[in-house]
């Protein structure tokens, strides 16, 4: 995903939108909290493509998450 970068010098290596310091988890959290994509775009100066890339990245990370039993 070329819109997402991970750089240890930016936000301690958290994934962010390329060319910004806006972390992916912030975008996902704002949408989960009730903001629309358009509101997130306006609030953080992002394009719709960038916001959708953040959601796609989060979905991909979760789809590869390994589930471990605590028993």
C-alpha atoms as a PDB file:
ATOM      1  CA  UNK A   1       0.000   0.000   0.000  1.00  0.00           C
ATOM      2  CA  UNK A   2       1.811   3.017  -1.257  1.00  0.00           C
ATOM      3  CA  UNK A   3      -0.299   5.534   0.698  1.00  0.00           C
ATOM      4  CA  UNK A   4       0.846   4.066   4.037  1.00  0.00           C
ATOM      5  CA  UNK A   5       4.367   4.272   5.423  1.00  0.00           C
ATOM      6  CA  UNK A   6       6.092   2.975   8.519  1.00  0.00           C
ATOM      7  CA  UNK A   7       9.157   4.935   9.576  1.00  0.00           C
ATOM      8  CA  UNK A   8      10.706   4.663  13.046  1.00  0.00           C
ATOM      9  CA  UNK A   9      11.413   8.411  12.913  1.00  0.00           C
ATOM     10  CA  UNK A  10       7.740   9.297  12.423  1.00  0.00           C
ATOM     11  CA  UNK A  11       5.279   8.678  15.263  1.00  0.00           C
ATOM     12  CA  UNK A  12       7.584   6.002  16.756  1.00  0.00           C
ATOM     13  CA  UNK A  13       7.098   3.733  13.751  1.00  0.00           C
ATOM     14  CA  UNK A  14       3.304   3.704  13.767  1.00  0.00           C
ATOM     15  CA  UNK A  15       1.780   3.392  10.288  1.00  0.00           C
ATOM     16  CA  UNK A  16       0.838   6.825   8.939  1.00  0.00           C
ATOM     17  CA  UNK A  17      -0.517   8.321   5.737  1.00  0.00           C
ATOM     18  CA  UNK A  18       2.448   9.039   3.472  1.00  0.00           C
ATOM     19  CA  UNK A  19       3.409  12.710   3.455  1.00  0.00           C
ATOM     20  CA  UNK A  20       1.612  13.352   6.752  1.00  0.00           C
ATOM     21  CA  UNK A  21       1.971  12.490  10.404  1.00  0.00           C
ATOM     22  CA  UNK A  22      -1.614  11.201  10.597  1.00  0.00           C
ATOM     23  CA  UNK A  23      -1.620   7.683  12.086  1.00  0.00           C
ATOM     24  CA  UNK A  24      -3.854   4.981  10.669  1.00  0.00           C
ATOM     25  CA  UNK A  25      -5.267   4.118  14.092  1.00  0.00           C
ATOM     26  CA  UNK A  26      -6.406   7.728  14.528  1.00  0.00           C
ATOM     27  CA  UNK A  27      -8.341   7.641  11.255  1.00  0.00           C
ATOM     28  CA  UNK A  28      -9.971   4.306  12.063  1.00  0.00           C
ATOM     29  CA  UNK A  29     -10.795   5.489  15.584  1.00  0.00           C
ATOM     30  CA  UNK A  30     -12.414   8.701  14.355  1.00  0.00           C
ATOM     31  CA  UNK A  31     -14.614   6.801  11.902  1.00  0.00           C
ATOM     32  CA  UNK A  32     -15.477   4.211  14.568  1.00  0.00           C
ATOM     33  CA  UNK A  33     -16.376   7.102  16.856  1.00  0.00           C
ATOM     34  CA  UNK A  34     -18.944   8.416  14.401  1.00  0.00           C
ATOM     35  CA  UNK A  35     -17.108  10.835  12.122  1.00  0.00           C
ATOM     36  CA  UNK A  36     -17.858  10.518   8.433  1.00  0.00           C
ATOM     37  CA  UNK A  37     -15.121  10.002   5.876  1.00  0.00           C
ATOM     38  CA  UNK A  38     -15.729  13.558   4.682  1.00  0.00           C
ATOM     39  CA  UNK A  39     -15.327  14.931   8.232  1.00  0.00           C
ATOM     40  CA  UNK A  40     -12.049  13.054   8.673  1.00  0.00           C
ATOM     41  CA  UNK A  41     -10.860  14.350   5.311  1.00  0.00           C
ATOM     42  CA  UNK A  42     -11.602  17.934   6.301  1.00  0.00           C
ATOM     43  CA  UNK A  43     -10.248  17.646   9.852  1.00  0.00           C
ATOM     44  CA  UNK A  44      -6.881  16.182   8.814  1.00  0.00           C
ATOM     45  CA  UNK A  45      -6.473  17.519   5.267  1.00  0.00           C
ATOM     46  CA  UNK A  46      -6.691  14.083   3.647  1.00  0.00           C
ATOM     47  CA  UNK A  47      -8.148  12.837   0.400  1.00  0.00           C
ATOM     48  CA  UNK A  48     -10.855  10.216   0.225  1.00  0.00           C
ATOM     49  CA  UNK A  49      -8.305   7.831  -1.294  1.00  0.00           C
ATOM     50  CA  UNK A  50      -6.027   8.293   1.739  1.00  0.00           C
ATOM     51  CA  UNK A  51      -8.832   7.629   4.217  1.00  0.00           C
ATOM     52  CA  UNK A  52      -9.930   4.537   2.319  1.00  0.00           C
ATOM     53  CA  UNK A  53      -6.323   3.343   2.176  1.00  0.00           C
ATOM     54  CA  UNK A  54      -6.158   3.628   5.966  1.00  0.00           C
ATOM     55  CA  UNK A  55      -9.292   1.523   6.334  1.00  0.00           C
ATOM     56  CA  UNK A  56      -7.996  -1.024   3.832  1.00  0.00           C
ATOM     57  CA  UNK A  57      -4.675  -1.219   5.689  1.00  0.00           C
ATOM     58  CA  UNK A  58      -6.437  -1.772   9.027  1.00  0.00           C
ATOM     59  CA  UNK A  59      -8.594  -4.517   7.507  1.00  0.00           C
ATOM     60  CA  UNK A  60      -5.534  -6.226   6.041  1.00  0.00           C
ATOM     61  CA  UNK A  61      -3.671  -6.135   9.354  1.00  0.00           C
ATOM     62  CA  UNK A  62      -6.666  -7.578  11.196  1.00  0.00           C
ATOM     63  CA  UNK A  63      -7.167 -10.299   8.602  1.00  0.00           C
ATOM     64  CA  UNK A  64      -3.666 -11.609   9.249  1.00  0.00           C
ATOM     65  CA  UNK A  65      -3.944 -11.398  13.037  1.00  0.00           C
ATOM     66  CA  UNK A  66      -3.229 -14.676  14.755  1.00  0.00           C
ATOM     67  CA  UNK A  67      -5.726 -15.724  17.392  1.00  0.00           C
ATOM     68  CA  UNK A  68      -4.206 -17.426  20.409  1.00  0.00           C
ATOM     69  CA  UNK A  69      -6.055 -19.361  23.066  1.00  0.00           C
ATOM     70  CA  UNK A  70      -5.383 -18.281  26.621  1.00  0.00           C
ATOM     71  CA  UNK A  71      -6.306 -21.719  28.000  1.00  0.00           C
END
